[in-house]
Each structure stands twice: as structure tokens, then as C-alpha cells.
Amino acid sequence: DRVRTPVIILSARRSIDDRIKGLHTGA
């Protein structure tokens, strides 16, 4: 919806793949 609010994702998942997935969503 073109909302550009900066987002910090919080997660108990520590793997690199999880971090990459989170950043790829737009976080």
C-alpha cells in the first residue's frame, strides 16, 4: 500500500535465513 514507515522486526528466530526473509519482506 506504499506505506514507507521504517520497520524494525522483532523475532526469537536467530538464523540468517530468517533475518534475510524478514528484510526481504520490506522491513
mmCIF file of all heavy atoms, coordinates in Angstrom:
data_MODEL
# 
_entry.id   MODEL 
# 
loop_
_atom_site.group_PDB 
_atom_site.id 
_atom_site.type_symbol 
_atom_site.label_atom_id 
_atom_site.label_alt_id 
_atom_site.label_comp_id 
_atom_site.label_asym_id 
_atom_site.label_entity_id 
_atom_site.label_seq_id 
_atom_site.pdbx_PDB_ins_code 
_atom_site.Cartn_x 
_atom_site.Cartn_y 
_atom_site.Cartn_z 
_atom_site.occupancy 
_atom_site.B_iso_or_equiv 
_atom_site.pdbx_formal_charge 
_atom_site.auth_seq_id 
_atom_site.auth_comp_id 
_atom_site.auth_asym_id 
_atom_site.auth_atom_id 
_atom_site.pdbx_PDB_model_num 
ATOM 1   N N   . ASP A 1 1  ? 0.818  -1.218  0.000  1.00 0.00 ? 1  ASP A N   1 
ATOM 2   C CA  . ASP A 1 1  ? 0.000  0.000   0.000  1.00 0.00 ? 1  ASP A CA  1 
ATOM 3   C C   . ASP A 1 1  ? 0.850  1.265   0.000  1.00 0.00 ? 1  ASP A C   1 
ATOM 4   O O   . ASP A 1 1  ? 0.359  2.352   0.290  1.00 0.00 ? 1  ASP A O   1 
ATOM 5   C CB  . ASP A 1 1  ? -0.932 0.000   1.211  1.00 0.00 ? 1  ASP A CB  1 
ATOM 6   C CG  . ASP A 1 1  ? -2.061 -1.006  1.079  1.00 0.00 ? 1  ASP A CG  1 
ATOM 7   O OD1 . ASP A 1 1  ? -2.255 -1.544  -0.032 1.00 0.00 ? 1  ASP A OD1 1 
ATOM 8   O OD2 . ASP A 1 1  ? -2.758 -1.241  2.077  1.00 0.00 ? 1  ASP A OD2 1 
ATOM 9   N N   . ARG A 1 2  ? 2.142  1.103   -0.279 1.00 0.00 ? 2  ARG A N   1 
ATOM 10  C CA  . ARG A 1 2  ? 3.080  2.229   -0.403 1.00 0.00 ? 2  ARG A CA  1 
ATOM 11  C C   . ARG A 1 2  ? 3.267  3.014   0.892  1.00 0.00 ? 2  ARG A C   1 
ATOM 12  O O   . ARG A 1 2  ? 3.516  4.226   0.871  1.00 0.00 ? 2  ARG A O   1 
ATOM 13  C CB  . ARG A 1 2  ? 2.647  3.160   -1.535 1.00 0.00 ? 2  ARG A CB  1 
ATOM 14  C CG  . ARG A 1 2  ? 2.566  2.476   -2.899 1.00 0.00 ? 2  ARG A CG  1 
ATOM 15  C CD  . ARG A 1 2  ? 2.193  3.452   -3.999 1.00 0.00 ? 2  ARG A CD  1 
ATOM 16  N NE  . ARG A 1 2  ? 2.067  2.775   -5.279 1.00 0.00 ? 2  ARG A NE  1 
ATOM 17  C CZ  . ARG A 1 2  ? 3.086  2.471   -6.088 1.00 0.00 ? 2  ARG A CZ  1 
ATOM 18  N NH1 . ARG A 1 2  ? 4.307  2.793   -5.720 1.00 0.00 ? 2  ARG A NH1 1 
ATOM 19  N NH2 . ARG A 1 2  ? 2.882  1.857   -7.234 1.00 0.00 ? 2  ARG A NH2 1 
ATOM 20  N N   . VAL A 1 3  ? 3.110  2.351   2.014  1.00 0.00 ? 3  VAL A N   1 
ATOM 21  C CA  . VAL A 1 3  ? 3.420  2.966   3.308  1.00 0.00 ? 3  VAL A CA  1 
ATOM 22  C C   . VAL A 1 3  ? 4.900  2.743   3.578  1.00 0.00 ? 3  VAL A C   1 
ATOM 23  O O   . VAL A 1 3  ? 5.352  1.601   3.678  1.00 0.00 ? 3  VAL A O   1 
ATOM 24  C CB  . VAL A 1 3  ? 2.565  2.358   4.442  1.00 0.00 ? 3  VAL A CB  1 
ATOM 25  C CG1 . VAL A 1 3  ? 2.982  2.935   5.789  1.00 0.00 ? 3  VAL A CG1 1 
ATOM 26  C CG2 . VAL A 1 3  ? 1.090  2.622   4.174  1.00 0.00 ? 3  VAL A CG2 1 
ATOM 27  N N   . ARG A 1 4  ? 5.659  3.829   3.702  1.00 0.00 ? 4  ARG A N   1 
ATOM 28  C CA  . ARG A 1 4  ? 7.124  3.738   3.814  1.00 0.00 ? 4  ARG A CA  1 
ATOM 29  C C   . ARG A 1 4  ? 7.641  3.879   5.244  1.00 0.00 ? 4  ARG A C   1 
ATOM 30  O O   . ARG A 1 4  ? 8.838  4.087   5.444  1.00 0.00 ? 4  ARG A O   1 
ATOM 31  C CB  . ARG A 1 4  ? 7.758  4.808   2.923  1.00 0.00 ? 4  ARG A CB  1 
ATOM 32  C CG  . ARG A 1 4  ? 7.381  4.672   1.448  1.00 0.00 ? 4  ARG A CG  1 
ATOM 33  C CD  . ARG A 1 4  ? 7.732  3.303   0.921  1.00 0.00 ? 4  ARG A CD  1 
ATOM 34  N NE  . ARG A 1 4  ? 7.332  3.118   -0.469 1.00 0.00 ? 4  ARG A NE  1 
ATOM 35  C CZ  . ARG A 1 4  ? 7.286  1.942   -1.066 1.00 0.00 ? 4  ARG A CZ  1 
ATOM 36  N NH1 . ARG A 1 4  ? 7.607  0.859   -0.384 1.00 0.00 ? 4  ARG A NH1 1 
ATOM 37  N NH2 . ARG A 1 4  ? 6.919  1.851   -2.329 1.00 0.00 ? 4  ARG A NH2 1 
ATOM 38  N N   . THR A 1 5  ? 6.766  3.765   6.213  1.00 0.00 ? 5  THR A N   1 
ATOM 39  C CA  . THR A 1 5  ? 7.202  3.860   7.610  1.00 0.00 ? 5  THR A CA  1 
ATOM 40  C C   . THR A 1 5  ? 8.343  2.869   7.869  1.00 0.00 ? 5  THR A C   1 
ATOM 41  O O   . THR A 1 5  ? 8.199  1.673   7.588  1.00 0.00 ? 5  THR A O   1 
ATOM 42  C CB  . THR A 1 5  ? 6.042  3.522   8.558  1.00 0.00 ? 5  THR A CB  1 
ATOM 43  O OG1 . THR A 1 5  ? 4.964  4.422   8.331  1.00 0.00 ? 5  THR A OG1 1 
ATOM 44  C CG2 . THR A 1 5  ? 6.487  3.614   10.012 1.00 0.00 ? 5  THR A CG2 1 
ATOM 45  N N   . PRO A 1 6  ? 9.481  3.311   8.393  1.00 0.00 ? 6  PRO A N   1 
ATOM 46  C CA  . PRO A 1 6  ? 10.564 2.379   8.709  1.00 0.00 ? 6  PRO A CA  1 
ATOM 47  C C   . PRO A 1 6  ? 10.103 1.345   9.737  1.00 0.00 ? 6  PRO A C   1 
ATOM 48  O O   . PRO A 1 6  ? 9.430  1.690   10.712 1.00 0.00 ? 6  PRO A O   1 
ATOM 49  C CB  . PRO A 1 6  ? 11.652 3.278   9.295  1.00 0.00 ? 6  PRO A CB  1 
ATOM 50  C CG  . PRO A 1 6  ? 11.363 4.639   8.733  1.00 0.00 ? 6  PRO A CG  1 
ATOM 51  C CD  . PRO A 1 6  ? 9.867  4.713   8.652  1.00 0.00 ? 6  PRO A CD  1 
ATOM 52  N N   . VAL A 1 7  ? 10.463 0.075   9.513  1.00 0.00 ? 7  VAL A N   1 
ATOM 53  C CA  . VAL A 1 7  ? 10.005 -1.018  10.374 1.00 0.00 ? 7  VAL A CA  1 
ATOM 54  C C   . VAL A 1 7  ? 11.190 -1.804  10.915 1.00 0.00 ? 7  VAL A C   1 
ATOM 55  O O   . VAL A 1 7  ? 12.085 -2.199  10.160 1.00 0.00 ? 7  VAL A O   1 
ATOM 56  C CB  . VAL A 1 7  ? 9.065  -1.974  9.616  1.00 0.00 ? 7  VAL A CB  1 
ATOM 57  C CG1 . VAL A 1 7  ? 8.671  -3.150  10.509 1.00 0.00 ? 7  VAL A CG1 1 
ATOM 58  C CG2 . VAL A 1 7  ? 7.825  -1.241  9.121  1.00 0.00 ? 7  VAL A CG2 1 
ATOM 59  N N   . ILE A 1 8  ? 11.165 -2.038  12.235 1.00 0.00 ? 8  ILE A N   1 
ATOM 60  C CA  . ILE A 1 8  ? 12.113 -2.952  12.871 1.00 0.00 ? 8  ILE A CA  1 
ATOM 61  C C   . ILE A 1 8  ? 11.351 -4.221  13.234 1.00 0.00 ? 8  ILE A C   1 
ATOM 62  O O   . ILE A 1 8  ? 10.351 -4.168  13.954 1.00 0.00 ? 8  ILE A O   1 
ATOM 63  C CB  . ILE A 1 8  ? 12.732 -2.340  14.142 1.00 0.00 ? 8  ILE A CB  1 
ATOM 64  C CG1 . ILE A 1 8  ? 13.513 -1.072  13.799 1.00 0.00 ? 8  ILE A CG1 1 
ATOM 65  C CG2 . ILE A 1 8  ? 13.651 -3.361  14.832 1.00 0.00 ? 8  ILE A CG2 1 
ATOM 66  C CD1 . ILE A 1 8  ? 14.092 -0.367  15.018 1.00 0.00 ? 8  ILE A CD1 1 
ATOM 67  N N   . ILE A 1 9  ? 11.804 -5.348  12.726 1.00 0.00 ? 9  ILE A N   1 
ATOM 68  C CA  . ILE A 1 9  ? 11.194 -6.634  13.047 1.00 0.00 ? 9  ILE A CA  1 
ATOM 69  C C   . ILE A 1 9  ? 11.831 -7.198  14.316 1.00 0.00 ? 9  ILE A C   1 
ATOM 70  O O   . ILE A 1 9  ? 13.053 -7.188  14.468 1.00 0.00 ? 9  ILE A O   1 
ATOM 71  C CB  . ILE A 1 9  ? 11.395 -7.635  11.892 1.00 0.00 ? 9  ILE A CB  1 
ATOM 72  C CG1 . ILE A 1 9  ? 10.494 -7.263  10.702 1.00 0.00 ? 9  ILE A CG1 1 
ATOM 73  C CG2 . ILE A 1 9  ? 11.110 -9.061  12.334 1.00 0.00 ? 9  ILE A CG2 1 
ATOM 74  C CD1 . ILE A 1 9  ? 9.035  -7.529  10.928 1.00 0.00 ? 9  ILE A CD1 1 
ATOM 75  N N   . LEU A 1 10 ? 10.993 -7.684  15.236 1.00 0.00 ? 10 LEU A N   1 
ATOM 76  C CA  . LEU A 1 10 ? 11.468 -8.381  16.429 1.00 0.00 ? 10 LEU A CA  1 
ATOM 77  C C   . LEU A 1 10 ? 11.159 -9.869  16.275 1.00 0.00 ? 10 LEU A C   1 
ATOM 78  O O   . LEU A 1 10 ? 10.047 -10.228 15.869 1.00 0.00 ? 10 LEU A O   1 
ATOM 79  C CB  . LEU A 1 10 ? 10.777 -7.852  17.682 1.00 0.00 ? 10 LEU A CB  1 
ATOM 80  C CG  . LEU A 1 10 ? 10.939 -6.375  18.011 1.00 0.00 ? 10 LEU A CG  1 
ATOM 81  C CD1 . LEU A 1 10 ? 10.172 -6.045  19.287 1.00 0.00 ? 10 LEU A CD1 1 
ATOM 82  C CD2 . LEU A 1 10 ? 12.408 -6.001  18.157 1.00 0.00 ? 10 LEU A CD2 1 
ATOM 83  N N   . SER A 1 11 ? 12.113 -10.709 16.603 1.00 0.00 ? 11 SER A N   1 
ATOM 84  C CA  . SER A 1 11 ? 11.863 -12.146 16.457 1.00 0.00 ? 11 SER A CA  1 
ATOM 85  C C   . SER A 1 11 ? 12.794 -12.946 17.353 1.00 0.00 ? 11 SER A C   1 
ATOM 86  O O   . SER A 1 11 ? 13.932 -12.554 17.613 1.00 0.00 ? 11 SER A O   1 
ATOM 87  C CB  . SER A 1 11 ? 12.070 -12.578 15.000 1.00 0.00 ? 11 SER A CB  1 
ATOM 88  O OG  . SER A 1 11 ? 11.897 -13.967 14.858 1.00 0.00 ? 11 SER A OG  1 
ATOM 89  N N   . ALA A 1 12 ? 12.289 -14.096 17.813 1.00 0.00 ? 12 ALA A N   1 
ATOM 90  C CA  . ALA A 1 12 ? 13.119 -15.032 18.566 1.00 0.00 ? 12 ALA A CA  1 
ATOM 91  C C   . ALA A 1 12 ? 13.932 -15.916 17.624 1.00 0.00 ? 12 ALA A C   1 
ATOM 92  O O   . ALA A 1 12 ? 14.811 -16.651 18.054 1.00 0.00 ? 12 ALA A O   1 
ATOM 93  C CB  . ALA A 1 12 ? 12.240 -15.901 19.465 1.00 0.00 ? 12 ALA A CB  1 
ATOM 94  N N   . ARG A 1 13 ? 13.626 -15.840 16.330 1.00 0.00 ? 13 ARG A N   1 
ATOM 95  C CA  . ARG A 1 13 ? 14.344 -16.635 15.329 1.00 0.00 ? 13 ARG A CA  1 
ATOM 96  C C   . ARG A 1 13 ? 15.682 -15.983 15.025 1.00 0.00 ? 13 ARG A C   1 
ATOM 97  O O   . ARG A 1 13 ? 15.731 -14.815 14.648 1.00 0.00 ? 13 ARG A O   1 
ATOM 98  C CB  . ARG A 1 13 ? 13.506 -16.737 14.058 1.00 0.00 ? 13 ARG A CB  1 
ATOM 99  C CG  . ARG A 1 13 ? 12.145 -17.395 14.276 1.00 0.00 ? 13 ARG A CG  1 
ATOM 100 C CD  . ARG A 1 13 ? 11.281 -17.257 13.042 1.00 0.00 ? 13 ARG A CD  1 
ATOM 101 N NE  . ARG A 1 13 ? 9.967  -17.869 13.230 1.00 0.00 ? 13 ARG A NE  1 
ATOM 102 C CZ  . ARG A 1 13 ? 8.971  -17.740 12.368 1.00 0.00 ? 13 ARG A CZ  1 
ATOM 103 N NH1 . ARG A 1 13 ? 9.132  -17.019 11.257 1.00 0.00 ? 13 ARG A NH1 1 
ATOM 104 N NH2 . ARG A 1 13 ? 7.801  -18.336 12.601 1.00 0.00 ? 13 ARG A NH2 1 
ATOM 105 N N   . ARG A 1 14 ? 16.748 -16.744 15.174 1.00 0.00 ? 14 ARG A N   1 
ATOM 106 C CA  . ARG A 1 14 ? 18.086 -16.172 15.091 1.00 0.00 ? 14 ARG A CA  1 
ATOM 107 C C   . ARG A 1 14 ? 18.848 -16.532 13.819 1.00 0.00 ? 14 ARG A C   1 
ATOM 108 O O   . ARG A 1 14 ? 19.937 -16.027 13.592 1.00 0.00 ? 14 ARG A O   1 
ATOM 109 C CB  . ARG A 1 14 ? 18.921 -16.631 16.294 1.00 0.00 ? 14 ARG A CB  1 
ATOM 110 C CG  . ARG A 1 14 ? 18.412 -16.085 17.615 1.00 0.00 ? 14 ARG A CG  1 
ATOM 111 C CD  . ARG A 1 14 ? 19.168 -16.661 18.795 1.00 0.00 ? 14 ARG A CD  1 
ATOM 112 N NE  . ARG A 1 14 ? 18.834 -15.965 20.030 1.00 0.00 ? 14 ARG A NE  1 
ATOM 113 C CZ  . ARG A 1 14 ? 19.447 -14.881 20.476 1.00 0.00 ? 14 ARG A CZ  1 
ATOM 114 N NH1 . ARG A 1 14 ? 20.442 -14.374 19.785 1.00 0.00 ? 14 ARG A NH1 1 
ATOM 115 N NH2 . ARG A 1 14 ? 19.084 -14.301 21.598 1.00 0.00 ? 14 ARG A NH2 1 
ATOM 116 N N   . SER A 1 15 ? 18.308 -17.426 12.990 1.00 0.00 ? 15 SER A N   1 
ATOM 117 C CA  . SER A 1 15 ? 19.065 -17.874 11.825 1.00 0.00 ? 15 SER A CA  1 
ATOM 118 C C   . SER A 1 15 ? 19.211 -16.756 10.798 1.00 0.00 ? 15 SER A C   1 
ATOM 119 O O   . SER A 1 15 ? 18.385 -15.838 10.722 1.00 0.00 ? 15 SER A O   1 
ATOM 120 C CB  . SER A 1 15 ? 18.390 -19.077 11.166 1.00 0.00 ? 15 SER A CB  1 
ATOM 121 O OG  . SER A 1 15 ? 17.235 -18.684 10.462 1.00 0.00 ? 15 SER A OG  1 
ATOM 122 N N   . ILE A 1 16 ? 20.262 -16.848 9.997  1.00 0.00 ? 16 ILE A N   1 
ATOM 123 C CA  . ILE A 1 16 ? 20.499 -15.859 8.951  1.00 0.00 ? 16 ILE A CA  1 
ATOM 124 C C   . ILE A 1 16 ? 19.366 -15.873 7.937  1.00 0.00 ? 16 ILE A C   1 
ATOM 125 O O   . ILE A 1 16 ? 18.927 -14.822 7.460  1.00 0.00 ? 16 ILE A O   1 
ATOM 126 C CB  . ILE A 1 16 ? 21.852 -16.133 8.255  1.00 0.00 ? 16 ILE A CB  1 
ATOM 127 C CG1 . ILE A 1 16 ? 23.004 -15.881 9.238  1.00 0.00 ? 16 ILE A CG1 1 
ATOM 128 C CG2 . ILE A 1 16 ? 22.007 -15.247 7.017  1.00 0.00 ? 16 ILE A CG2 1 
ATOM 129 C CD1 . ILE A 1 16 ? 24.368 -16.182 8.678  1.00 0.00 ? 16 ILE A CD1 1 
ATOM 130 N N   . ASP A 1 17 ? 18.854 -17.070 7.631  1.00 0.00 ? 17 ASP A N   1 
ATOM 131 C CA  . ASP A 1 17 ? 17.753 -17.173 6.665  1.00 0.00 ? 17 ASP A CA  1 
ATOM 132 C C   . ASP A 1 17 ? 16.523 -16.416 7.141  1.00 0.00 ? 17 ASP A C   1 
ATOM 133 O O   . ASP A 1 17 ? 15.831 -15.770 6.344  1.00 0.00 ? 17 ASP A O   1 
ATOM 134 C CB  . ASP A 1 17 ? 17.394 -18.644 6.418  1.00 0.00 ? 17 ASP A CB  1 
ATOM 135 C CG  . ASP A 1 17 ? 18.443 -19.362 5.570  1.00 0.00 ? 17 ASP A CG  1 
ATOM 136 O OD1 . ASP A 1 17 ? 19.258 -18.671 4.923  1.00 0.00 ? 17 ASP A OD1 1 
ATOM 137 O OD2 . ASP A 1 17 ? 18.446 -20.610 5.563  1.00 0.00 ? 17 ASP A OD2 1 
ATOM 138 N N   . ASP A 1 18 ? 16.230 -16.511 8.453  1.00 0.00 ? 18 ASP A N   1 
ATOM 139 C CA  . ASP A 1 18 ? 15.078 -15.793 8.991  1.00 0.00 ? 18 ASP A CA  1 
ATOM 140 C C   . ASP A 1 18 ? 15.281 -14.283 8.891  1.00 0.00 ? 18 ASP A C   1 
ATOM 141 O O   . ASP A 1 18 ? 14.347 -13.542 8.585  1.00 0.00 ? 18 ASP A O   1 
ATOM 142 C CB  . ASP A 1 18 ? 14.835 -16.188 10.451 1.00 0.00 ? 18 ASP A CB  1 
ATOM 143 C CG  . ASP A 1 18 ? 14.249 -17.584 10.584 1.00 0.00 ? 18 ASP A CG  1 
ATOM 144 O OD1 . ASP A 1 18 ? 13.432 -17.955 9.724  1.00 0.00 ? 18 ASP A OD1 1 
ATOM 145 O OD2 . ASP A 1 18 ? 14.606 -18.288 11.538 1.00 0.00 ? 18 ASP A OD2 1 
ATOM 146 N N   . ARG A 1 19 ? 16.504 -13.834 9.152  1.00 0.00 ? 19 ARG A N   1 
ATOM 147 C CA  . ARG A 1 19 ? 16.785 -12.402 9.054  1.00 0.00 ? 19 ARG A CA  1 
ATOM 148 C C   . ARG A 1 19 ? 16.639 -11.922 7.611  1.00 0.00 ? 19 ARG A C   1 
ATOM 149 O O   . ARG A 1 19 ? 16.062 -10.862 7.355  1.00 0.00 ? 19 ARG A O   1 
ATOM 150 C CB  . ARG A 1 19 ? 18.193 -12.109 9.565  1.00 0.00 ? 19 ARG A CB  1 
ATOM 151 C CG  . ARG A 1 19 ? 18.391 -12.412 11.036 1.00 0.00 ? 19 ARG A CG  1 
ATOM 152 C CD  . ARG A 1 19 ? 19.767 -11.988 11.505 1.00 0.00 ? 19 ARG A CD  1 
ATOM 153 N NE  . ARG A 1 19 ? 20.034 -12.424 12.869 1.00 0.00 ? 19 ARG A NE  1 
ATOM 154 C CZ  . ARG A 1 19 ? 21.091 -12.084 13.559 1.00 0.00 ? 19 ARG A CZ  1 
ATOM 155 N NH1 . ARG A 1 19 ? 22.007 -11.299 13.018 1.00 0.00 ? 19 ARG A NH1 1 
ATOM 156 N NH2 . ARG A 1 19 ? 21.262 -12.522 14.791 1.00 0.00 ? 19 ARG A NH2 1 
ATOM 157 N N   . ILE A 1 20 ? 17.165 -12.699 6.693  1.00 0.00 ? 20 ILE A N   1 
ATOM 158 C CA  . ILE A 1 20 ? 17.070 -12.334 5.282  1.00 0.00 ? 20 ILE A CA  1 
ATOM 159 C C   . ILE A 1 20 ? 15.608 -12.277 4.846  1.00 0.00 ? 20 ILE A C   1 
ATOM 160 O O   . ILE A 1 20 ? 15.185 -11.349 4.145  1.00 0.00 ? 20 ILE A O   1 
ATOM 161 C CB  . ILE A 1 20 ? 17.848 -13.338 4.408  1.00 0.00 ? 20 ILE A CB  1 
ATOM 162 C CG1 . ILE A 1 20 ? 19.354 -13.187 4.674  1.00 0.00 ? 20 ILE A CG1 1 
ATOM 163 C CG2 . ILE A 1 20 ? 17.548 -13.124 2.923  1.00 0.00 ? 20 ILE A CG2 1 
ATOM 164 C CD1 . ILE A 1 20 ? 20.203 -14.225 3.975  1.00 0.00 ? 20 ILE A CD1 1 
ATOM 165 N N   . LYS A 1 21 ? 14.821 -13.264 5.273  1.00 0.00 ? 21 LYS A N   1 
ATOM 166 C CA  . LYS A 1 21 ? 13.400 -13.291 4.924  1.00 0.00 ? 21 LYS A CA  1 
ATOM 167 C C   . LYS A 1 21 ? 12.696 -12.052 5.457  1.00 0.00 ? 21 LYS A C   1 
ATOM 168 O O   . LYS A 1 21 ? 11.882 -11.429 4.763  1.00 0.00 ? 21 LYS A O   1 
ATOM 169 C CB  . LYS A 1 21 ? 12.742 -14.547 5.489  1.00 0.00 ? 21 LYS A CB  1 
ATOM 170 C CG  . LYS A 1 21 ? 11.273 -14.696 5.109  1.00 0.00 ? 21 LYS A CG  1 
ATOM 171 C CD  . LYS A 1 21 ? 10.698 -15.991 5.674  1.00 0.00 ? 21 LYS A CD  1 
ATOM 172 C CE  . LYS A 1 21 ? 9.217  -16.127 5.310  1.00 0.00 ? 21 LYS A CE  1 
ATOM 173 N NZ  . LYS A 1 21 ? 8.634  -17.380 5.859  1.00 0.00 ? 21 LYS A NZ  1 
ATOM 174 N N   . GLY A 1 22 ? 13.009 -11.675 6.706  1.00 0.00 ? 22 GLY A N   1 
ATOM 175 C CA  . GLY A 1 22 ? 12.392 -10.503 7.301  1.00 0.00 ? 22 GLY A CA  1 
ATOM 176 C C   . GLY A 1 22 ? 12.725 -9.229  6.534  1.00 0.00 ? 22 GLY A C   1 
ATOM 177 O O   . GLY A 1 22 ? 11.852 -8.393  6.286  1.00 0.00 ? 22 GLY A O   1 
ATOM 178 N N   . LEU A 1 23 ? 13.972 -9.089  6.112  1.00 0.00 ? 23 LEU A N   1 
ATOM 179 C CA  . LEU A 1 23 ? 14.383 -7.896  5.376  1.00 0.00 ? 23 LEU A CA  1 
ATOM 180 C C   . LEU A 1 23 ? 13.802 -7.878  3.966  1.00 0.00 ? 23 LEU A C   1 
ATOM 181 O O   . LEU A 1 23 ? 13.471 -6.823  3.434  1.00 0.00 ? 23 LEU A O   1 
ATOM 182 C CB  . LEU A 1 23 ? 15.909 -7.806  5.333  1.00 0.00 ? 23 LEU A CB  1 
ATOM 183 C CG  . LEU A 1 23 ? 16.583 -7.591  6.702  1.00 0.00 ? 23 LEU A CG  1 
ATOM 184 C CD1 . LEU A 1 23 ? 18.092 -7.703  6.575  1.00 0.00 ? 23 LEU A CD1 1 
ATOM 185 C CD2 . LEU A 1 23 ? 16.204 -6.238  7.296  1.00 0.00 ? 23 LEU A CD2 1 
ATOM 186 N N   . HIS A 1 24 ? 13.643 -9.067  3.383  1.00 0.00 ? 24 HIS A N   1 
ATOM 187 C CA  . HIS A 1 24 ? 13.090 -9.141  2.033  1.00 0.00 ? 24 HIS A CA  1 
ATOM 188 C C   . HIS A 1 24 ? 11.606 -8.778  1.986  1.00 0.00 ? 24 HIS A C   1 
ATOM 189 O O   . HIS A 1 24 ? 11.084 -8.423  0.931  1.00 0.00 ? 24 HIS A O   1 
ATOM 190 C CB  . HIS A 1 24 ? 13.292 -10.544 1.454  1.00 0.00 ? 24 HIS A CB  1 
ATOM 191 C CG  . HIS A 1 24 ? 14.667 -10.738 0.882  1.00 0.00 ? 24 HIS A CG  1 
ATOM 192 N ND1 . HIS A 1 24 ? 15.136 -11.948 0.421  1.00 0.00 ? 24 HIS A ND1 1 
ATOM 193 C CD2 . HIS A 1 24 ? 15.686 -9.855  0.689  1.00 0.00 ? 24 HIS A CD2 1 
ATOM 194 C CE1 . HIS A 1 24 ? 16.371 -11.816 -0.023 1.00 0.00 ? 24 HIS A CE1 1 
ATOM 195 N NE2 . HIS A 1 24 ? 16.730 -10.551 0.137  1.00 0.00 ? 24 HIS A NE2 1 
ATOM 196 N N   . THR A 1 25 ? 10.922 -8.884  3.110  1.00 0.00 ? 25 THR A N   1 
ATOM 197 C CA  . THR A 1 25 ? 9.507  -8.503  3.121  1.00 0.00 ? 25 THR A CA  1 
ATOM 198 C C   . THR A 1 25 ? 9.325  -6.993  3.021  1.00 0.00 ? 25 THR A C   1 
ATOM 199 O O   . THR A 1 25 ? 8.232  -6.518  2.734  1.00 0.00 ? 25 THR A O   1 
ATOM 200 C CB  . THR A 1 25 ? 8.805  -8.978  4.413  1.00 0.00 ? 25 THR A CB  1 
ATOM 201 O OG1 . THR A 1 25 ? 9.396  -8.327  5.537  1.00 0.00 ? 25 THR A OG1 1 
ATOM 202 C CG2 . THR A 1 25 ? 8.889  -10.490 4.557  1.00 0.00 ? 25 THR A CG2 1 
ATOM 203 N N   . GLY A 1 26 ? 10.415 -6.261  3.293  1.00 0.00 ? 26 GLY A N   1 
ATOM 204 C CA  . GLY A 1 26 ? 10.325 -4.807  3.258  1.00 0.00 ? 26 GLY A CA  1 
ATOM 205 C C   . GLY A 1 26 ? 10.673 -4.159  4.578  1.00 0.00 ? 26 GLY A C   1 
ATOM 206 O O   . GLY A 1 26 ? 10.618 -2.931  4.704  1.00 0.00 ? 26 GLY A O   1 
ATOM 207 N N   . ALA A 1 27 ? 11.034 -4.974  5.586  1.00 0.00 ? 27 ALA A N   1 
ATOM 208 C CA  . ALA A 1 27 ? 11.469 -4.411  6.867  1.00 0.00 ? 27 ALA A CA  1 
ATOM 209 C C   . ALA A 1 27 ? 12.811 -3.712  6.692  1.00 0.00 ? 27 ALA A C   1 
ATOM 210 O O   . ALA A 1 27 ? 13.585 -4.027  5.795  1.00 0.00 ? 27 ALA A O   1 
ATOM 211 C CB  . ALA A 1 27 ? 11.580 -5.510  7.915  1.00 0.00 ? 27 ALA A CB  1 
# 
